[in-house]
Amino acid sequence: EAAQFFAAPPAAAPKPNATPSEFDWRIFLPNVVTAVKDQGGCGSCWAFAAAEVLESAVAIGSGKLFDLSPQDLVACTPNPNECGGSGGCDGATPQLAFEYVKKHGISSEWSTPYTSGMTGKNGECLKDSKSREPVAGIGGFVDVPKNDAESLLQAVFVSPVAVSVAASAWSRYKEGVFSHASCDFVINHAVVVNGYGTQNSTSYWLIRNSWGPMWGEDGYIRLERAKDPEQEPCGWDTKPLVGSACKTPLDGSEPPEKVWVCGTCGVLSDSSYPIDAFLGAPVGRSGSALDNTSLISAQLRGPSRRR
């Protein structure tokens, strides 16, 4: 039987046509962002980024905040085209995780706790288990236009957003705004943009990482953001298969040898977020006890392509 929750009135998201100079989901709606997590010794950043924006999407729409299961995504998300890696602890993309959740829902951290960080292994997929009870789902997701700072800004104003970044130089980060001159453009990590702001005339993206709360600024990093969106730094990602490109693209073409990416650490290169989040199992899923009246749609919309 699918888990059910009593619905709270949907929280009102800010209006995109009134973009403020600073924004932080932790402050705007304090009960829509969970605590910083640690992915451990598993290449599961993509699963953490997806689970974290799903948590916020559900909370924004329903008023219920709880931890969702990255383990469910690591163990079960298919990656036949090897996008961003070969799957599980060897890498994938948040979009693949969203596709999985759209079809199968996602379990809570309580029912499917994270173990891959300790073992380095994907673990057993329980999506067809009778004991599995999805606690949340989505109607789809949005791909934010690539290398477009204004589009990402508007998207973050609607929901926390999963983004891909070049994080090879992040190990030395302690605090402050991380300059674009401090990193390259080889995408190799997935994180969450939770807001943006300005410090001492330097604009930044507020990024939530998955390396635990002891890293950076309580688990967060601020990446430099150009004051003029047209002046964002850009460069070639010469190892796109490490980031979010597919080894066997869906259109049958050859995988790209290099990809043009923009933003500090390539933060504008590949961004997405879920829409129509709800509590419970997807309608029509075997074993689901929910009907349409149980769905609490977050009704999140943004300046981009729905999937």
C-alpha atoms as a PDB file:
ATOM      1  CA  GLU A   1       0.000   0.000   0.000  1.00  0.00           C
ATOM      2  CA  ALA A   2       1.377   3.400  -0.898  1.00  0.00           C
ATOM      3  CA  ALA A   3       2.161   5.834   1.889  1.00  0.00           C
ATOM      4  CA  GLN A   4      -0.226   8.739   2.239  1.00  0.00           C
ATOM      5  CA  PHE A   5      -0.018  12.100   3.951  1.00  0.00           C
ATOM      6  CA  PHE A   6      -2.558  14.740   4.830  1.00  0.00           C
ATOM      7  CA  ALA A   7      -2.182  17.675   2.513  1.00  0.00           C
ATOM      8  CA  ALA A   8      -1.220  21.134   3.655  1.00  0.00           C
ATOM      9  CA  PRO A   9      -2.072  24.198   1.550  1.00  0.00           C
ATOM     10  CA  PRO A  10       0.584  24.594  -1.165  1.00  0.00           C
ATOM     11  CA  ALA A  11       3.225  27.155  -0.309  1.00  0.00           C
ATOM     12  CA  ALA A  12       3.204  30.179  -2.581  1.00  0.00           C
ATOM     13  CA  ALA A  13       6.289  30.454  -4.774  1.00  0.00           C
ATOM     14  CA  PRO A  14       7.532  33.942  -5.641  1.00  0.00           C
ATOM     15  CA  LYS A  15       6.474  35.521  -8.909  1.00  0.00           C
ATOM     16  CA  PRO A  16       9.108  35.171 -11.670  1.00  0.00           C
ATOM     17  CA  ASN A  17       8.410  38.691 -12.966  1.00  0.00           C
ATOM     18  CA  ALA A  18       9.562  40.215  -9.669  1.00  0.00           C
ATOM     19  CA  THR A  19      13.046  38.711  -9.401  1.00  0.00           C
ATOM     20  CA  PRO A  20      14.801  40.037  -6.271  1.00  0.00           C
ATOM     21  CA  SER A  21      18.514  40.837  -6.123  1.00  0.00           C
ATOM     22  CA  GLU A  22      19.070  38.036  -3.606  1.00  0.00           C
ATOM     23  CA  PHE A  23      17.220  34.792  -2.980  1.00  0.00           C
ATOM     24  CA  ASP A  24      17.752  31.768  -0.733  1.00  0.00           C
ATOM     25  CA  TRP A  25      15.142  28.995  -0.444  1.00  0.00           C
ATOM     26  CA  ARG A  26      16.330  28.295   3.116  1.00  0.00           C
ATOM     27  CA  ILE A  27      15.239  31.787   4.110  1.00  0.00           C
ATOM     28  CA  PHE A  28      12.251  32.326   1.813  1.00  0.00           C
ATOM     29  CA  LEU A  29      10.596  29.070   2.934  1.00  0.00           C
ATOM     30  CA  PRO A  30      12.748  27.541   5.703  1.00  0.00           C
ATOM     31  CA  ASN A  31      10.876  24.238   5.719  1.00  0.00           C
ATOM     32  CA  VAL A  32      11.514  23.252   2.098  1.00  0.00           C
ATOM     33  CA  VAL A  33      15.235  22.402   2.242  1.00  0.00           C
ATOM     34  CA  THR A  34      16.599  19.355   4.092  1.00  0.00           C
ATOM     35  CA  ALA A  35      19.948  19.142   5.876  1.00  0.00           C
ATOM     36  CA  VAL A  36      23.151  18.766   3.842  1.00  0.00           C
ATOM     37  CA  LYS A  37      24.052  15.138   3.128  1.00  0.00           C
ATOM     38  CA  ASP A  38      27.251  13.212   2.344  1.00  0.00           C
ATOM     39  CA  GLN A  39      27.458  10.907  -0.688  1.00  0.00           C
ATOM     40  CA  GLY A  40      30.538   9.143   0.707  1.00  0.00           C
ATOM     41  CA  GLY A  41      32.605   6.785  -1.446  1.00  0.00           C
ATOM     42  CA  CYS A  42      30.135   6.444  -4.313  1.00  0.00           C
ATOM     43  CA  GLY A  43      29.792   8.521  -7.481  1.00  0.00           C
ATOM     44  CA  SER A  44      26.172   9.242  -6.618  1.00  0.00           C
ATOM     45  CA  CYS A  45      26.199  13.040  -6.740  1.00  0.00           C
ATOM     46  CA  TRP A  46      23.559  12.888  -9.495  1.00  0.00           C
ATOM     47  CA  ALA A  47      21.220  10.886  -7.225  1.00  0.00           C
ATOM     48  CA  PHE A  48      21.715  13.256  -4.299  1.00  0.00           C
ATOM     49  CA  ALA A  49      21.107  16.321  -6.470  1.00  0.00           C
ATOM     50  CA  ALA A  50      17.916  14.761  -7.837  1.00  0.00           C
ATOM     51  CA  ALA A  51      16.643  13.603  -4.431  1.00  0.00           C
ATOM     52  CA  GLU A  52      17.321  16.996  -2.866  1.00  0.00           C
ATOM     53  CA  VAL A  53      15.441  19.023  -5.466  1.00  0.00           C
ATOM     54  CA  LEU A  54      12.629  16.449  -5.277  1.00  0.00           C
ATOM     55  CA  GLU A  55      12.455  16.969  -1.505  1.00  0.00           C
ATOM     56  CA  SER A  56      12.087  20.700  -2.016  1.00  0.00           C
ATOM     57  CA  ALA A  57       9.559  20.347  -4.840  1.00  0.00           C
ATOM     58  CA  VAL A  58       7.353  18.129  -2.670  1.00  0.00           C
ATOM     59  CA  ALA A  59       7.692  20.483   0.304  1.00  0.00           C
ATOM     60  CA  ILE A  60       6.906  23.590  -1.753  1.00  0.00           C
ATOM     61  CA  GLY A  61       3.752  21.948  -3.066  1.00  0.00           C
ATOM     62  CA  SER A  62       2.518  20.117   0.016  1.00  0.00           C
ATOM     63  CA  GLY A  63       4.064  21.678   3.094  1.00  0.00           C
ATOM     64  CA  LYS A  64       5.596  18.292   3.998  1.00  0.00           C
ATOM     65  CA  LEU A  65       9.397  18.095   4.196  1.00  0.00           C
ATOM     66  CA  PHE A  66      11.162  14.769   4.629  1.00  0.00           C
ATOM     67  CA  ASP A  67      14.287  13.018   3.363  1.00  0.00           C
ATOM     68  CA  LEU A  68      13.933  11.050   0.149  1.00  0.00           C
ATOM     69  CA  SER A  69      16.146   8.102  -0.757  1.00  0.00           C
ATOM     70  CA  PRO A  70      19.225   8.580  -2.963  1.00  0.00           C
ATOM     71  CA  GLN A  71      19.752   4.833  -2.494  1.00  0.00           C
ATOM     72  CA  ASP A  72      16.518   4.114  -4.363  1.00  0.00           C
ATOM     73  CA  LEU A  73      17.886   6.128  -7.297  1.00  0.00           C
ATOM     74  CA  VAL A  74      21.418   4.687  -7.189  1.00  0.00           C
ATOM     75  CA  ALA A  75      20.183   1.093  -7.158  1.00  0.00           C
ATOM     76  CA  CYS A  76      17.327   1.397  -9.635  1.00  0.00           C
ATOM     77  CA  THR A  77      17.819   4.212 -12.158  1.00  0.00           C
ATOM     78  CA  PRO A  78      18.542   2.675 -15.598  1.00  0.00           C
ATOM     79  CA  ASN A  79      21.310   4.193 -17.703  1.00  0.00           C
ATOM     80  CA  PRO A  80      21.434   2.134 -20.926  1.00  0.00           C
ATOM     81  CA  ASN A  81      23.036   4.930 -22.939  1.00  0.00           C
ATOM     82  CA  GLU A  82      25.706   5.547 -20.305  1.00  0.00           C
ATOM     83  CA  CYS A  83      24.924   9.214 -19.787  1.00  0.00           C
ATOM     84  CA  GLY A  84      27.337  10.771 -17.308  1.00  0.00           C
ATOM     85  CA  GLY A  85      28.808   7.354 -16.550  1.00  0.00           C
ATOM     86  CA  SER A  86      27.724   3.730 -16.508  1.00  0.00           C
ATOM     87  CA  GLY A  87      25.121   4.158 -13.778  1.00  0.00           C
ATOM     88  CA  GLY A  88      24.829   3.916 -10.012  1.00  0.00           C
ATOM     89  CA  CYS A  89      28.089   4.663  -8.210  1.00  0.00           C
ATOM     90  CA  ASP A  90      29.790   5.025 -11.590  1.00  0.00           C
ATOM     91  CA  GLY A  91      27.723   8.061 -12.536  1.00  0.00           C
ATOM     92  CA  ALA A  92      24.499   9.122 -14.248  1.00  0.00           C
ATOM     93  CA  THR A  93      22.433  12.318 -14.509  1.00  0.00           C
ATOM     94  CA  PRO A  94      19.649  13.938 -12.461  1.00  0.00           C
ATOM     95  CA  GLN A  95      17.411  13.794 -15.548  1.00  0.00           C
ATOM     96  CA  LEU A  96      17.638   9.995 -15.592  1.00  0.00           C
ATOM     97  CA  ALA A  97      16.686   9.992 -11.917  1.00  0.00           C
ATOM     98  CA  PHE A  98      13.676  12.195 -12.665  1.00  0.00           C
ATOM     99  CA  GLU A  99      12.576   9.805 -15.414  1.00  0.00           C
ATOM    100  CA  TYR A 100      12.764   6.921 -12.956  1.00  0.00           C
ATOM    101  CA  VAL A 101      10.774   8.797 -10.301  1.00  0.00           C
ATOM    102  CA  LYS A 102       8.159   9.804 -12.864  1.00  0.00           C
ATOM    103  CA  LYS A 103       7.509   6.111 -13.574  1.00  0.00           C
ATOM    104  CA  HIS A 104       8.104   4.497 -10.200  1.00  0.00           C
ATOM    105  CA  GLY A 105       8.046   7.191  -7.524  1.00  0.00           C
ATOM    106  CA  ILE A 106      10.719   7.435  -4.846  1.00  0.00           C
ATOM    107  CA  SER A 107      11.065   5.896  -1.396  1.00  0.00           C
ATOM    108  CA  SER A 108      11.880   7.720   1.820  1.00  0.00           C
ATOM    109  CA  GLU A 109      15.354   7.664   3.323  1.00  0.00           C
ATOM    110  CA  TRP A 110      13.813   5.968   6.356  1.00  0.00           C
ATOM    111  CA  SER A 111      12.519   2.995   4.368  1.00  0.00           C
ATOM    112  CA  THR A 112      15.470   2.742   1.951  1.00  0.00           C
ATOM    113  CA  PRO A 113      18.524   4.113   3.766  1.00  0.00           C
ATOM    114  CA  TYR A 114      21.685   5.109   1.939  1.00  0.00           C
ATOM    115  CA  THR A 115      24.370   2.402   2.039  1.00  0.00           C
ATOM    116  CA  SER A 116      26.359   2.940  -1.168  1.00  0.00           C
ATOM    117  CA  GLY A 117      28.506   5.622   0.453  1.00  0.00           C
ATOM    118  CA  MET A 118      30.005   2.979   2.724  1.00  0.00           C
ATOM    119  CA  THR A 119      30.106   0.027   0.331  1.00  0.00           C
ATOM    120  CA  GLY A 120      30.859   1.773  -2.967  1.00  0.00           C
ATOM    121  CA  LYS A 121      28.304  -0.551  -4.564  1.00  0.00           C
ATOM    122  CA  ASN A 122      24.921   0.188  -6.142  1.00  0.00           C
ATOM    123  CA  GLY A 123      22.975  -2.152  -3.877  1.00  0.00           C
ATOM    124  CA  GLU A 124      19.809  -4.099  -4.598  1.00  0.00           C
ATOM    125  CA  CYS A 125      16.986  -2.447  -6.551  1.00  0.00           C
ATOM    126  CA  LEU A 126      13.703  -2.868  -4.673  1.00  0.00           C
ATOM    127  CA  LYS A 127      11.380  -1.094  -7.106  1.00  0.00           C
ATOM    128  CA  ASP A 128       9.367  -4.278  -7.754  1.00  0.00           C
ATOM    129  CA  SER A 129       9.328  -5.372  -4.128  1.00  0.00           C
ATOM    130  CA  LYS A 130       5.886  -5.616  -2.522  1.00  0.00           C
ATOM    131  CA  SER A 131       7.311  -3.984   0.575  1.00  0.00           C
ATOM    132  CA  ARG A 132       8.410  -0.851  -1.298  1.00  0.00           C
ATOM    133  CA  GLU A 133       6.181   2.145  -0.639  1.00  0.00           C
ATOM    134  CA  PRO A 134       6.923   5.220  -2.758  1.00  0.00           C
ATOM    135  CA  VAL A 135       6.246   8.362  -0.756  1.00  0.00           C
ATOM    136  CA  ALA A 136       6.517  10.905  -3.580  1.00  0.00           C
ATOM    137  CA  GLY A 137       6.423  11.277  -7.343  1.00  0.00           C
ATOM    138  CA  ILE A 138       6.511  13.855 -10.131  1.00  0.00           C
ATOM    139  CA  GLY A 139       4.639  14.535 -13.338  1.00  0.00           C
ATOM    140  CA  GLY A 140       7.777  15.403 -15.282  1.00  0.00           C
ATOM    141  CA  PHE A 141      10.775  17.696 -15.288  1.00  0.00           C
ATOM    142  CA  VAL A 142      12.130  20.781 -16.997  1.00  0.00           C
ATOM    143  CA  ASP A 143      15.448  21.191 -18.807  1.00  0.00           C
ATOM    144  CA  VAL A 144      16.697  24.742 -18.357  1.00  0.00           C
ATOM    145  CA  PRO A 145      18.206  26.213 -21.566  1.00  0.00           C
ATOM    146  CA  LYS A 146      21.920  25.472 -21.622  1.00  0.00           C
ATOM    147  CA  ASN A 147      24.491  28.195 -20.952  1.00  0.00           C
ATOM    148  CA  ASP A 148      21.769  30.772 -20.259  1.00  0.00           C
ATOM    149  CA  ALA A 149      22.293  32.604 -16.957  1.00  0.00           C
ATOM    150  CA  GLU A 150      18.990  34.462 -17.058  1.00  0.00           C
ATOM    151  CA  SER A 151      17.032  31.235 -17.571  1.00  0.00           C
ATOM    152  CA  LEU A 152      18.762  29.574 -14.620  1.00  0.00           C
ATOM    153  CA  LEU A 153      18.099  32.654 -12.497  1.00  0.00           C
ATOM    154  CA  GLN A 154      14.381  32.475 -13.279  1.00  0.00           C
ATOM    155  CA  ALA A 155      14.317  28.714 -12.712  1.00  0.00           C
ATOM    156  CA  VAL A 156      15.944  29.011  -9.273  1.00  0.00           C
ATOM    157  CA  PHE A 157      13.274  31.563  -8.394  1.00  0.00           C
ATOM    158  CA  VAL A 158      10.713  28.787  -9.008  1.00  0.00           C
ATOM    159  CA  SER A 159      12.495  25.811  -7.408  1.00  0.00           C
ATOM    160  CA  PRO A 160      15.921  24.574  -6.338  1.00  0.00           C
ATOM    161  CA  VAL A 161      17.626  23.297  -9.498  1.00  0.00           C
ATOM    162  CA  ALA A 162      19.949  20.337 -10.126  1.00  0.00           C
ATOM    163  CA  VAL A 163      23.024  21.496 -12.066  1.00  0.00           C
ATOM    164  CA  SER A 164      26.225  19.972 -13.436  1.00  0.00           C
ATOM    165  CA  VAL A 165      29.579  21.531 -12.535  1.00  0.00           C
ATOM    166  CA  ALA A 166      33.345  21.159 -12.893  1.00  0.00           C
ATOM    167  CA  ALA A 167      34.338  20.460  -9.291  1.00  0.00           C
ATOM    168  CA  SER A 168      37.923  19.195  -9.552  1.00  0.00           C
ATOM    169  CA  ALA A 169      39.214  22.280  -7.706  1.00  0.00           C
ATOM    170  CA  TRP A 170      36.540  22.317  -5.008  1.00  0.00           C
ATOM    171  CA  SER A 171      38.458  20.238  -2.468  1.00  0.00           C
ATOM    172  CA  ARG A 172      40.388  23.333  -1.370  1.00  0.00           C
ATOM    173  CA  TYR A 173      37.289  25.510  -0.932  1.00  0.00           C
ATOM    174  CA  LYS A 174      36.677  26.826   2.582  1.00  0.00           C
ATOM    175  CA  GLU A 175      34.526  29.938   2.333  1.00  0.00           C
ATOM    176  CA  GLY A 176      33.706  33.008   0.283  1.00  0.00           C
ATOM    177  CA  VAL A 177      32.817  33.411  -3.374  1.00  0.00           C
ATOM    178  CA  PHE A 178      34.684  30.925  -5.585  1.00  0.00           C
ATOM    179  CA  SER A 179      36.103  32.750  -8.612  1.00  0.00           C
ATOM    180  CA  HIS A 180      35.665  31.533 -12.174  1.00  0.00           C
ATOM    181  CA  ALA A 181      39.450  31.692 -12.480  1.00  0.00           C
ATOM    182  CA  SER A 182      39.722  28.948  -9.841  1.00  0.00           C
ATOM    183  CA  CYS A 183      38.195  26.134 -11.875  1.00  0.00           C
ATOM    184  CA  ASP A 184      38.100  24.609 -15.350  1.00  0.00           C
ATOM    185  CA  PHE A 185      35.176  23.535 -17.559  1.00  0.00           C
ATOM    186  CA  VAL A 186      35.419  19.738 -17.385  1.00  0.00           C
ATOM    187  CA  ILE A 187      32.037  18.773 -15.921  1.00  0.00           C
ATOM    188  CA  ASN A 188      32.298  15.970 -13.351  1.00  0.00           C
ATOM    189  CA  HIS A 189      29.816  16.624 -10.544  1.00  0.00           C
ATOM    190  CA  ALA A 190      26.127  17.353  -9.877  1.00  0.00           C
ATOM    191  CA  VAL A 191      24.864  19.718  -7.188  1.00  0.00           C
ATOM    192  CA  VAL A 192      21.867  21.923  -6.375  1.00  0.00           C
ATOM    193  CA  VAL A 193      21.423  25.681  -6.858  1.00  0.00           C
ATOM    194  CA  ASN A 194      19.377  26.866  -3.871  1.00  0.00           C
ATOM    195  CA  GLY A 195      19.605  30.586  -4.551  1.00  0.00           C
ATOM    196  CA  TYR A 196      21.801  33.507  -5.543  1.00  0.00           C
ATOM    197  CA  GLY A 197      23.026  36.796  -4.129  1.00  0.00           C
ATOM    198  CA  THR A 198      25.782  39.413  -3.957  1.00  0.00           C
ATOM    199  CA  GLN A 199      28.643  39.974  -1.519  1.00  0.00           C
ATOM    200  CA  ASN A 200      30.839  43.081  -1.693  1.00  0.00           C
ATOM    201  CA  SER A 201      29.643  43.765  -5.253  1.00  0.00           C
ATOM    202  CA  THR A 202      30.436  40.182  -6.366  1.00  0.00           C
ATOM    203  CA  SER A 203      27.399  38.209  -7.503  1.00  0.00           C
ATOM    204  CA  TYR A 204      27.178  34.478  -6.830  1.00  0.00           C
ATOM    205  CA  TRP A 205      25.145  31.284  -7.151  1.00  0.00           C
ATOM    206  CA  LEU A 206      24.340  29.579  -3.836  1.00  0.00           C
ATOM    207  CA  ILE A 207      25.244  25.913  -4.331  1.00  0.00           C
ATOM    208  CA  ARG A 208      24.384  22.978  -2.089  1.00  0.00           C
ATOM    209  CA  ASN A 209      26.962  20.186  -2.292  1.00  0.00           C
ATOM    210  CA  SER A 210      26.777  16.541  -1.161  1.00  0.00           C
ATOM    211  CA  TRP A 211      30.112  16.290   0.655  1.00  0.00           C
ATOM    212  CA  GLY A 212      28.705  16.712   4.156  1.00  0.00           C
ATOM    213  CA  PRO A 213      28.135  19.790   6.373  1.00  0.00           C
ATOM    214  CA  MET A 214      31.798  20.042   7.414  1.00  0.00           C
ATOM    215  CA  TRP A 215      32.861  20.962   3.869  1.00  0.00           C
ATOM    216  CA  GLY A 216      32.801  24.576   2.643  1.00  0.00           C
ATOM    217  CA  GLU A 217      30.226  26.900   4.163  1.00  0.00           C
ATOM    218  CA  ASP A 218      28.212  24.331   6.135  1.00  0.00           C
ATOM    219  CA  GLY A 219      28.077  22.130   3.043  1.00  0.00           C
ATOM    220  CA  TYR A 220      27.499  24.988   0.587  1.00  0.00           C
ATOM    221  CA  ILE A 221      29.695  26.862  -1.887  1.00  0.00           C
ATOM    222  CA  ARG A 222      29.123  30.221  -3.543  1.00  0.00           C
ATOM    223  CA  LEU A 223      30.147  30.361  -7.205  1.00  0.00           C
ATOM    224  CA  GLU A 224      30.888  33.670  -8.897  1.00  0.00           C
ATOM    225  CA  ARG A 225      28.050  34.881 -11.136  1.00  0.00           C
ATOM    226  CA  ALA A 226      28.566  37.556 -13.796  1.00  0.00           C
ATOM    227  CA  LYS A 227      26.631  40.769 -13.190  1.00  0.00           C
ATOM    228  CA  ASP A 228      25.880  40.833 -16.898  1.00  0.00           C
ATOM    229  CA  PRO A 229      24.509  37.435 -18.037  1.00  0.00           C
ATOM    230  CA  GLU A 230      26.117  38.043 -21.420  1.00  0.00           C
ATOM    231  CA  GLN A 231      29.562  38.141 -19.785  1.00  0.00           C
ATOM    232  CA  GLU A 232      29.565  34.693 -18.192  1.00  0.00           C
ATOM    233  CA  PRO A 233      32.868  32.817 -18.715  1.00  0.00           C
ATOM    234  CA  CYS A 234      32.771  29.935 -21.208  1.00  0.00           C
ATOM    235  CA  GLY A 235      35.105  27.163 -22.356  1.00  0.00           C
ATOM    236  CA  TRP A 236      35.343  23.663 -23.786  1.00  0.00           C
ATOM    237  CA  ASP A 237      34.531  20.587 -21.747  1.00  0.00           C
ATOM    238  CA  THR A 238      37.016  18.157 -23.290  1.00  0.00           C
ATOM    239  CA  LYS A 239      35.727  15.113 -21.380  1.00  0.00           C
ATOM    240  CA  PRO A 240      31.935  15.360 -21.814  1.00  0.00           C
ATOM    241  CA  LEU A 241      31.302  11.663 -21.115  1.00  0.00           C
ATOM    242  CA  VAL A 242      32.510  12.256 -17.561  1.00  0.00           C
ATOM    243  CA  GLY A 243      29.830  14.902 -17.084  1.00  0.00           C
ATOM    244  CA  SER A 244      26.388  14.496 -18.628  1.00  0.00           C
ATOM    245  CA  ALA A 245      26.954  13.453 -22.257  1.00  0.00           C
ATOM    246  CA  CYS A 246      25.879   9.972 -23.392  1.00  0.00           C
ATOM    247  CA  LYS A 247      28.280   7.320 -24.689  1.00  0.00           C
ATOM    248  CA  THR A 248      25.547   6.162 -27.089  1.00  0.00           C
ATOM    249  CA  PRO A 249      23.366   9.224 -27.829  1.00  0.00           C
ATOM    250  CA  LEU A 250      19.649   8.611 -28.290  1.00  0.00           C
ATOM    251  CA  ASP A 251      19.722   9.996 -31.846  1.00  0.00           C
ATOM    252  CA  GLY A 252      22.285   7.397 -32.933  1.00  0.00           C
ATOM    253  CA  SER A 253      25.047   9.935 -33.455  1.00  0.00           C
ATOM    254  CA  GLU A 254      28.611   9.664 -32.206  1.00  0.00           C
ATOM    255  CA  PRO A 255      29.285  10.960 -28.680  1.00  0.00           C
ATOM    256  CA  PRO A 256      30.693  14.513 -28.639  1.00  0.00           C
ATOM    257  CA  GLU A 257      34.445  14.973 -28.316  1.00  0.00           C
ATOM    258  CA  LYS A 258      33.971  18.316 -26.602  1.00  0.00           C
ATOM    259  CA  VAL A 259      31.084  20.496 -25.427  1.00  0.00           C
ATOM    260  CA  TRP A 260      30.895  24.285 -25.002  1.00  0.00           C
ATOM    261  CA  VAL A 261      29.919  25.154 -21.424  1.00  0.00           C
ATOM    262  CA  CYS A 262      29.456  28.456 -19.620  1.00  0.00           C
ATOM    263  CA  GLY A 263      29.319  29.899 -16.132  1.00  0.00           C
ATOM    264  CA  THR A 264      31.791  29.557 -13.286  1.00  0.00           C
ATOM    265  CA  CYS A 265      32.812  25.887 -13.163  1.00  0.00           C
ATOM    266  CA  GLY A 266      30.371  25.305 -16.041  1.00  0.00           C
ATOM    267  CA  VAL A 267      27.362  25.798 -13.756  1.00  0.00           C
ATOM    268  CA  LEU A 268      25.135  26.882 -16.672  1.00  0.00           C
ATOM    269  CA  SER A 269      25.846  23.820 -18.809  1.00  0.00           C
ATOM    270  CA  ASP A 270      23.160  21.346 -17.749  1.00  0.00           C
ATOM    271  CA  SER A 271      20.305  22.188 -15.377  1.00  0.00           C
ATOM    272  CA  SER A 272      16.931  20.636 -14.586  1.00  0.00           C
ATOM    273  CA  TYR A 273      14.201  20.470 -11.954  1.00  0.00           C
ATOM    274  CA  PRO A 274      11.022  18.415 -11.356  1.00  0.00           C
ATOM    275  CA  ILE A 275       7.471  19.659 -11.812  1.00  0.00           C
ATOM    276  CA  ASP A 276       4.044  18.548 -10.607  1.00  0.00           C
ATOM    277  CA  ALA A 277       5.442  16.928  -7.467  1.00  0.00           C
ATOM    278  CA  PHE A 278       3.046  14.970  -5.275  1.00  0.00           C
ATOM    279  CA  LEU A 279       2.875  12.805  -2.180  1.00  0.00           C
ATOM    280  CA  GLY A 280       2.398   9.049  -2.507  1.00  0.00           C
ATOM    281  CA  ALA A 281       2.892   6.596  -5.369  1.00  0.00           C
ATOM    282  CA  PRO A 282       2.376   7.388  -9.074  1.00  0.00           C
ATOM    283  CA  VAL A 283      -1.197   6.793 -10.214  1.00  0.00           C
ATOM    284  CA  GLY A 284      -1.459   3.478 -12.015  1.00  0.00           C
ATOM    285  CA  ARG A 285       1.563   1.968 -10.314  1.00  0.00           C
ATOM    286  CA  SER A 286       0.973  -1.594  -9.221  1.00  0.00           C
ATOM    287  CA  GLY A 287       0.048  -1.637  -5.565  1.00  0.00           C
ATOM    288  CA  SER A 288      -0.746   2.058  -5.386  1.00  0.00           C
ATOM    289  CA  ALA A 289      -3.553   2.928  -3.021  1.00  0.00           C
ATOM    290  CA  LEU A 290      -3.767   6.574  -4.038  1.00  0.00           C
ATOM    291  CA  ASP A 291      -6.295   8.110  -6.362  1.00  0.00           C
ATOM    292  CA  ASN A 292      -6.210  11.414  -8.197  1.00  0.00           C
ATOM    293  CA  THR A 293      -7.703  13.284  -5.243  1.00  0.00           C
ATOM    294  CA  SER A 294      -4.606  12.442  -3.215  1.00  0.00           C
ATOM    295  CA  LEU A 295      -2.168  14.200  -5.529  1.00  0.00           C
ATOM    296  CA  ILE A 296      -0.789  17.537  -4.387  1.00  0.00           C
ATOM    297  CA  SER A 297       0.626  19.244  -7.459  1.00  0.00           C
ATOM    298  CA  ALA A 298       3.453  21.682  -6.874  1.00  0.00           C
ATOM    299  CA  GLN A 299       2.583  23.375 -10.184  1.00  0.00           C
ATOM    300  CA  LEU A 300       6.143  24.521 -10.713  1.00  0.00           C
ATOM    301  CA  ARG A 301       6.815  26.085 -14.089  1.00  0.00           C
ATOM    302  CA  GLY A 302       9.911  27.643 -15.591  1.00  0.00           C
ATOM    303  CA  PRO A 303      11.374  29.222 -18.722  1.00  0.00           C
ATOM    304  CA  SER A 304      12.277  25.996 -20.494  1.00  0.00           C
ATOM    305  CA  ARG A 305      11.412  22.640 -22.040  1.00  0.00           C
ATOM    306  CA  ARG A 306       9.184  20.167 -20.204  1.00  0.00           C
ATOM    307  CA  ARG A 307       9.835  16.425 -20.309  1.00  0.00           C
END
